């Protein structure tokens, strides 16, 4: 009697030309190091912009001896300069607007100016400027409001009041552009005032935070 040996079918799945694990590790490391280097460079650039704007605003206002009157004019001029810079380079407004906003708030604070009132002018100027050069209005609004709030916190100002003024200004500026811009700005700024319910309720009526 002949014994027939049955072999179990080989169900092992094979992959053609697998990428060596070591190579993936090297590629990942290369990308990681490159991104870290780039982010460090971006952080340094942003810090330089904050310092430049802060010193320019504070020095200009000190030279006028009329801080209350000149603050809005200087702020508008600085925002225009930032927008024109982005046009020259072809990009960069979304990246730079937060740093510019921080610098303005800090510069105004350095000379004892009214940070709350100037917050609205900064945001309005940035939003309208973004629309004029075809930038993403909602993103510029968010970055500007972020910068205003962050700087106010750093100088020990009234963060809630500044947030309210900044968000309201962003929506007002967007309303001169169109309904789509208003909706986009409202939607993106909900997250900015997350956790500050009273500010959100006042600045963004009918939002999910006001419920």
C-alpha atoms as a PDB file:
ATOM      1  CA  UNK A   1       0.000   0.000   0.000  1.00  0.00           C
ATOM      2  CA  UNK A   2       1.499   3.243  -1.135  1.00  0.00           C
ATOM      3  CA  UNK A   3       1.463   6.141   1.337  1.00  0.00           C
ATOM      4  CA  UNK A   4       0.759   9.500  -0.198  1.00  0.00           C
ATOM      5  CA  UNK A   5       2.143  12.417   1.787  1.00  0.00           C
ATOM      6  CA  UNK A   6      -0.097  15.405   1.617  1.00  0.00           C
ATOM      7  CA  UNK A   7       1.598  18.755   1.749  1.00  0.00           C
ATOM      8  CA  UNK A   8      -0.203  21.669   3.326  1.00  0.00           C
ATOM      9  CA  UNK A   9      -0.648  24.456   0.843  1.00  0.00           C
ATOM     10  CA  UNK A  10       1.749  27.330   1.344  1.00  0.00           C
ATOM     11  CA  UNK A  11      -0.403  30.348   2.046  1.00  0.00           C
ATOM     12  CA  UNK A  12       2.472  32.682   2.877  1.00  0.00           C
ATOM     13  CA  UNK A  13       1.989  35.983   1.036  1.00  0.00           C
ATOM     14  CA  UNK A  14       5.036  37.342  -0.655  1.00  0.00           C
ATOM     15  CA  UNK A  15       5.761  40.973  -1.432  1.00  0.00           C
ATOM     16  CA  UNK A  16       7.768  41.907  -4.456  1.00  0.00           C
ATOM     17  CA  UNK A  17      10.815  44.074  -3.867  1.00  0.00           C
ATOM     18  CA  UNK A  18      10.201  45.053  -0.232  1.00  0.00           C
ATOM     19  CA  UNK A  19      11.759  48.318   0.922  1.00  0.00           C
ATOM     20  CA  UNK A  20      14.425  47.550   3.508  1.00  0.00           C
ATOM     21  CA  UNK A  21      13.490  48.719   6.979  1.00  0.00           C
ATOM     22  CA  UNK A  22      16.891  50.337   7.336  1.00  0.00           C
ATOM     23  CA  UNK A  23      16.288  52.508   4.274  1.00  0.00           C
ATOM     24  CA  UNK A  24      12.936  53.715   5.611  1.00  0.00           C
ATOM     25  CA  UNK A  25      14.678  54.624   8.842  1.00  0.00           C
ATOM     26  CA  UNK A  26      17.295  56.669   7.025  1.00  0.00           C
ATOM     27  CA  UNK A  27      14.706  58.442   4.897  1.00  0.00           C
ATOM     28  CA  UNK A  28      12.578  59.221   7.942  1.00  0.00           C
ATOM     29  CA  UNK A  29      15.580  60.533   9.835  1.00  0.00           C
ATOM     30  CA  UNK A  30      16.574  62.750   6.922  1.00  0.00           C
ATOM     31  CA  UNK A  31      13.085  64.232   6.667  1.00  0.00           C
ATOM     32  CA  UNK A  32      12.847  64.668  10.443  1.00  0.00           C
ATOM     33  CA  UNK A  33      16.151  66.529  10.622  1.00  0.00           C
ATOM     34  CA  UNK A  34      15.216  68.699   7.657  1.00  0.00           C
ATOM     35  CA  UNK A  35      11.833  69.625   9.132  1.00  0.00           C
ATOM     36  CA  UNK A  36      13.370  70.417  12.535  1.00  0.00           C
ATOM     37  CA  UNK A  37      15.947  72.646  10.861  1.00  0.00           C
ATOM     38  CA  UNK A  38      13.274  74.411   8.809  1.00  0.00           C
ATOM     39  CA  UNK A  39      11.005  74.925  11.825  1.00  0.00           C
ATOM     40  CA  UNK A  40      13.883  76.344  13.839  1.00  0.00           C
ATOM     41  CA  UNK A  41      14.573  78.699  10.958  1.00  0.00           C
ATOM     42  CA  UNK A  42      10.907  79.745  10.798  1.00  0.00           C
ATOM     43  CA  UNK A  43      10.823  80.371  14.555  1.00  0.00           C
ATOM     44  CA  UNK A  44      13.921  82.539  14.307  1.00  0.00           C
ATOM     45  CA  UNK A  45      12.442  84.513  11.416  1.00  0.00           C
ATOM     46  CA  UNK A  46       9.194  85.064  13.299  1.00  0.00           C
ATOM     47  CA  UNK A  47      11.080  86.223  16.397  1.00  0.00           C
ATOM     48  CA  UNK A  48      13.022  88.681  14.235  1.00  0.00           C
ATOM     49  CA  UNK A  49       9.802  90.059  12.743  1.00  0.00           C
ATOM     50  CA  UNK A  50       8.285  90.534  16.216  1.00  0.00           C
ATOM     51  CA  UNK A  51      11.408  92.371  17.374  1.00  0.00           C
ATOM     52  CA  UNK A  52      11.582  94.534  14.230  1.00  0.00           C
ATOM     53  CA  UNK A  53       7.938  95.574  14.405  1.00  0.00           C
ATOM     54  CA  UNK A  54       7.999  96.113  18.170  1.00  0.00           C
ATOM     55  CA  UNK A  55      11.045  98.379  18.013  1.00  0.00           C
ATOM     56  CA  UNK A  56       9.763 100.250  14.953  1.00  0.00           C
ATOM     57  CA  UNK A  57       6.361 100.933  16.518  1.00  0.00           C
ATOM     58  CA  UNK A  58       7.674 101.932  19.944  1.00  0.00           C
ATOM     59  CA  UNK A  59      10.452 104.147  18.540  1.00  0.00           C
ATOM     60  CA  UNK A  60       8.093 105.843  16.081  1.00  0.00           C
ATOM     61  CA  UNK A  61       5.493 106.546  18.760  1.00  0.00           C
ATOM     62  CA  UNK A  62       8.104 107.860  21.212  1.00  0.00           C
ATOM     63  CA  UNK A  63       9.338 110.275  18.545  1.00  0.00           C
ATOM     64  CA  UNK A  64       5.853 111.733  18.009  1.00  0.00           C
ATOM     65  CA  UNK A  65       5.158 112.479  21.689  1.00  0.00           C
ATOM     66  CA  UNK A  66       1.458 112.035  20.845  1.00  0.00           C
ATOM     67  CA  UNK A  67       0.952 108.332  21.393  1.00  0.00           C
ATOM     68  CA  UNK A  68      -2.857 108.310  21.548  1.00  0.00           C
ATOM     69  CA  UNK A  69      -3.260 110.198  18.268  1.00  0.00           C
ATOM     70  CA  UNK A  70      -0.513 108.546  16.248  1.00  0.00           C
ATOM     71  CA  UNK A  71      -0.984 104.902  17.284  1.00  0.00           C
ATOM     72  CA  UNK A  72      -3.689 104.065  14.731  1.00  0.00           C
ATOM     73  CA  UNK A  73      -1.793 105.757  11.910  1.00  0.00           C
ATOM     74  CA  UNK A  74       1.440 103.964  12.752  1.00  0.00           C
ATOM     75  CA  UNK A  75      -0.392 100.637  13.057  1.00  0.00           C
ATOM     76  CA  UNK A  76      -2.023 101.019   9.631  1.00  0.00           C
ATOM     77  CA  UNK A  77       1.331 101.941   8.139  1.00  0.00           C
ATOM     78  CA  UNK A  78       3.018  98.868   9.630  1.00  0.00           C
ATOM     79  CA  UNK A  79       0.264  96.534   8.361  1.00  0.00           C
ATOM     80  CA  UNK A  80       0.549  98.060   4.874  1.00  0.00           C
ATOM     81  CA  UNK A  81       4.301  97.483   4.973  1.00  0.00           C
ATOM     82  CA  UNK A  82       3.807  93.816   5.879  1.00  0.00           C
ATOM     83  CA  UNK A  83       1.281  93.343   3.061  1.00  0.00           C
ATOM     84  CA  UNK A  84       3.534  95.001   0.504  1.00  0.00           C
ATOM     85  CA  UNK A  85       6.400  92.789   1.652  1.00  0.00           C
ATOM     86  CA  UNK A  86       4.301  89.684   1.012  1.00  0.00           C
ATOM     87  CA  UNK A  87       3.452  91.003  -2.466  1.00  0.00           C
ATOM     88  CA  UNK A  88       7.139  91.551  -3.231  1.00  0.00           C
ATOM     89  CA  UNK A  89       8.056  88.041  -2.144  1.00  0.00           C
ATOM     90  CA  UNK A  90       4.920  86.488  -3.620  1.00  0.00           C
ATOM     91  CA  UNK A  91       3.900  84.779  -0.378  1.00  0.00           C
ATOM     92  CA  UNK A  92       4.347  84.995   3.368  1.00  0.00           C
ATOM     93  CA  UNK A  93       1.412  87.063   4.662  1.00  0.00           C
ATOM     94  CA  UNK A  94      -0.145  84.119   6.502  1.00  0.00           C
ATOM     95  CA  UNK A  95       3.248  83.260   7.982  1.00  0.00           C
ATOM     96  CA  UNK A  96       4.204  86.809   8.985  1.00  0.00           C
ATOM     97  CA  UNK A  97       0.905  88.322  10.094  1.00  0.00           C
ATOM     98  CA  UNK A  98       0.943  86.764  13.578  1.00  0.00           C
ATOM     99  CA  UNK A  99       4.443  88.097  14.249  1.00  0.00           C
ATOM    100  CA  UNK A 100       3.548  91.538  12.916  1.00  0.00           C
ATOM    101  CA  UNK A 101       0.454  91.657  15.151  1.00  0.00           C
ATOM    102  CA  UNK A 102       2.509  90.615  18.179  1.00  0.00           C
ATOM    103  CA  UNK A 103       5.106  93.249  17.447  1.00  0.00           C
ATOM    104  CA  UNK A 104       2.529  96.028  17.148  1.00  0.00           C
ATOM    105  CA  UNK A 105       0.822  95.132  20.431  1.00  0.00           C
ATOM    106  CA  UNK A 106       4.151  94.932  22.252  1.00  0.00           C
ATOM    107  CA  UNK A 107       5.379  98.187  20.737  1.00  0.00           C
ATOM    108  CA  UNK A 108       2.202 100.014  21.730  1.00  0.00           C
ATOM    109  CA  UNK A 109       2.404  98.518  25.214  1.00  0.00           C
ATOM    110  CA  UNK A 110       6.026  99.659  25.561  1.00  0.00           C
ATOM    111  CA  UNK A 111       4.973 103.294  25.284  1.00  0.00           C
ATOM    112  CA  UNK A 112       1.875 102.944  27.457  1.00  0.00           C
ATOM    113  CA  UNK A 113      -0.615 102.939  24.588  1.00  0.00           C
ATOM    114  CA  UNK A 114      -4.111 101.439  24.631  1.00  0.00           C
ATOM    115  CA  UNK A 115      -3.613  97.818  23.600  1.00  0.00           C
ATOM    116  CA  UNK A 116      -7.338  97.016  23.621  1.00  0.00           C
ATOM    117  CA  UNK A 117      -8.355  99.744  21.180  1.00  0.00           C
ATOM    118  CA  UNK A 118      -5.448  99.121  18.818  1.00  0.00           C
ATOM    119  CA  UNK A 119      -6.179  95.376  18.616  1.00  0.00           C
ATOM    120  CA  UNK A 120      -9.187  96.028  16.404  1.00  0.00           C
ATOM    121  CA  UNK A 121      -7.214  98.240  14.017  1.00  0.00           C
ATOM    122  CA  UNK A 122      -4.537  95.584  13.611  1.00  0.00           C
ATOM    123  CA  UNK A 123      -7.023  92.855  12.748  1.00  0.00           C
ATOM    124  CA  UNK A 124      -9.132  95.000  10.418  1.00  0.00           C
ATOM    125  CA  UNK A 125      -6.059  96.142   8.526  1.00  0.00           C
ATOM    126  CA  UNK A 126      -4.754  92.599   8.130  1.00  0.00           C
ATOM    127  CA  UNK A 127      -8.088  91.126   6.979  1.00  0.00           C
ATOM    128  CA  UNK A 128      -8.776  93.864   4.441  1.00  0.00           C
ATOM    129  CA  UNK A 129      -5.185  93.712   3.246  1.00  0.00           C
ATOM    130  CA  UNK A 130      -5.396  89.950   2.802  1.00  0.00           C
ATOM    131  CA  UNK A 131      -8.502  90.321   0.641  1.00  0.00           C
ATOM    132  CA  UNK A 132      -6.814  92.998  -1.463  1.00  0.00           C
ATOM    133  CA  UNK A 133      -3.880  90.741  -2.358  1.00  0.00           C
ATOM    134  CA  UNK A 134      -5.897  87.535  -2.727  1.00  0.00           C
ATOM    135  CA  UNK A 135      -4.695  85.796   0.434  1.00  0.00           C
ATOM    136  CA  UNK A 136      -6.788  83.418   2.552  1.00  0.00           C
ATOM    137  CA  UNK A 137      -8.799  85.930   4.589  1.00  0.00           C
ATOM    138  CA  UNK A 138      -9.868  83.447   7.272  1.00  0.00           C
ATOM    139  CA  UNK A 139      -6.332  82.169   7.877  1.00  0.00           C
ATOM    140  CA  UNK A 140      -4.910  85.689   8.021  1.00  0.00           C
ATOM    141  CA  UNK A 141      -7.674  86.656  10.463  1.00  0.00           C
ATOM    142  CA  UNK A 142      -6.870  83.693  12.697  1.00  0.00           C
ATOM    143  CA  UNK A 143      -3.117  84.275  12.642  1.00  0.00           C
ATOM    144  CA  UNK A 144      -3.577  87.974  13.391  1.00  0.00           C
ATOM    145  CA  UNK A 145      -5.989  87.373  16.262  1.00  0.00           C
ATOM    146  CA  UNK A 146      -3.644  84.684  17.625  1.00  0.00           C
ATOM    147  CA  UNK A 147      -0.773  87.168  17.572  1.00  0.00           C
ATOM    148  CA  UNK A 148      -2.789  89.920  19.241  1.00  0.00           C
ATOM    149  CA  UNK A 149      -3.982  87.620  22.031  1.00  0.00           C
ATOM    150  CA  UNK A 150      -0.555  86.040  22.564  1.00  0.00           C
ATOM    151  CA  UNK A 151       1.165  89.425  22.804  1.00  0.00           C
ATOM    152  CA  UNK A 152      -1.494  90.781  25.163  1.00  0.00           C
ATOM    153  CA  UNK A 153      -0.973  87.808  27.442  1.00  0.00           C
ATOM    154  CA  UNK A 154       2.800  88.343  27.389  1.00  0.00           C
ATOM    155  CA  UNK A 155       2.547  92.040  28.305  1.00  0.00           C
ATOM    156  CA  UNK A 156       0.000  91.346  31.050  1.00  0.00           C
ATOM    157  CA  UNK A 157      -2.953  92.985  29.319  1.00  0.00           C
ATOM    158  CA  UNK A 158      -6.657  92.171  29.429  1.00  0.00           C
ATOM    159  CA  UNK A 159      -6.729  89.066  27.234  1.00  0.00           C
ATOM    160  CA  UNK A 160     -10.502  88.570  27.302  1.00  0.00           C
ATOM    161  CA  UNK A 161     -11.259  92.142  26.320  1.00  0.00           C
ATOM    162  CA  UNK A 162      -8.628  92.124  23.571  1.00  0.00           C
ATOM    163  CA  UNK A 163      -9.940  88.801  22.247  1.00  0.00           C
ATOM    164  CA  UNK A 164     -13.460  90.219  22.086  1.00  0.00           C
ATOM    165  CA  UNK A 165     -12.327  93.343  20.236  1.00  0.00           C
ATOM    166  CA  UNK A 166     -10.057  91.407  17.856  1.00  0.00           C
ATOM    167  CA  UNK A 167     -12.642  88.787  16.897  1.00  0.00           C
ATOM    168  CA  UNK A 168     -15.351  91.407  16.430  1.00  0.00           C
ATOM    169  CA  UNK A 169     -13.004  93.458  14.247  1.00  0.00           C
ATOM    170  CA  UNK A 170     -12.189  90.416  12.105  1.00  0.00           C
ATOM    171  CA  UNK A 171     -15.883  89.735  11.484  1.00  0.00           C
ATOM    172  CA  UNK A 172     -16.594  93.417  10.769  1.00  0.00           C
ATOM    173  CA  UNK A 173     -13.751  93.545   8.252  1.00  0.00           C
ATOM    174  CA  UNK A 174     -14.915  90.309   6.629  1.00  0.00           C
ATOM    175  CA  UNK A 175     -18.428  91.752   6.265  1.00  0.00           C
ATOM    176  CA  UNK A 176     -17.042  94.367   3.855  1.00  0.00           C
ATOM    177  CA  UNK A 177     -15.735  91.530   1.679  1.00  0.00           C
ATOM    178  CA  UNK A 178     -18.793  89.269   1.520  1.00  0.00           C
ATOM    179  CA  UNK A 179     -20.935  86.666   3.249  1.00  0.00           C
ATOM    180  CA  UNK A 180     -18.580  83.828   2.376  1.00  0.00           C
ATOM    181  CA  UNK A 181     -15.703  85.655   4.054  1.00  0.00           C
ATOM    182  CA  UNK A 182     -17.825  86.327   7.144  1.00  0.00           C
ATOM    183  CA  UNK A 183     -18.758  82.653   7.491  1.00  0.00           C
ATOM    184  CA  UNK A 184     -15.162  81.501   6.977  1.00  0.00           C
ATOM    185  CA  UNK A 185     -13.831  83.983   9.549  1.00  0.00           C
ATOM    186  CA  UNK A 186     -16.505  83.101  12.112  1.00  0.00           C
ATOM    187  CA  UNK A 187     -15.913  79.380  11.668  1.00  0.00           C
ATOM    188  CA  UNK A 188     -12.143  79.606  12.064  1.00  0.00           C
ATOM    189  CA  UNK A 189     -12.250  82.012  15.006  1.00  0.00           C
ATOM    190  CA  UNK A 190     -14.518  79.771  17.080  1.00  0.00           C
ATOM    191  CA  UNK A 191     -11.387  77.794  18.003  1.00  0.00           C
ATOM    192  CA  UNK A 192      -9.442  80.934  18.924  1.00  0.00           C
ATOM    193  CA  UNK A 193     -11.856  81.829  21.681  1.00  0.00           C
ATOM    194  CA  UNK A 194     -12.491  78.239  22.752  1.00  0.00           C
ATOM    195  CA  UNK A 195     -12.640  78.079  26.529  1.00  0.00           C
ATOM    196  CA  UNK A 196     -13.498  81.752  26.950  1.00  0.00           C
ATOM    197  CA  UNK A 197     -17.247  81.338  26.716  1.00  0.00           C
ATOM    198  CA  UNK A 198     -18.249  84.891  27.511  1.00  0.00           C
ATOM    199  CA  UNK A 199     -15.926  86.247  24.826  1.00  0.00           C
ATOM    200  CA  UNK A 200     -17.192  83.810  22.233  1.00  0.00           C
ATOM    201  CA  UNK A 201     -20.819  84.594  23.044  1.00  0.00           C
ATOM    202  CA  UNK A 202     -20.276  88.335  22.691  1.00  0.00           C
ATOM    203  CA  UNK A 203     -18.019  88.257  19.648  1.00  0.00           C
ATOM    204  CA  UNK A 204     -19.536  85.374  17.701  1.00  0.00           C
ATOM    205  CA  UNK A 205     -23.286  85.313  18.375  1.00  0.00           C
ATOM    206  CA  UNK A 206     -25.173  82.087  17.727  1.00  0.00           C
ATOM    207  CA  UNK A 207     -21.939  80.076  17.826  1.00  0.00           C
ATOM    208  CA  UNK A 208     -21.863  76.605  19.270  1.00  0.00           C
ATOM    209  CA  UNK A 209     -19.939  78.014  22.250  1.00  0.00           C
ATOM    210  CA  UNK A 210     -22.703  80.395  23.135  1.00  0.00           C
ATOM    211  CA  UNK A 211     -25.147  77.567  23.691  1.00  0.00           C
END
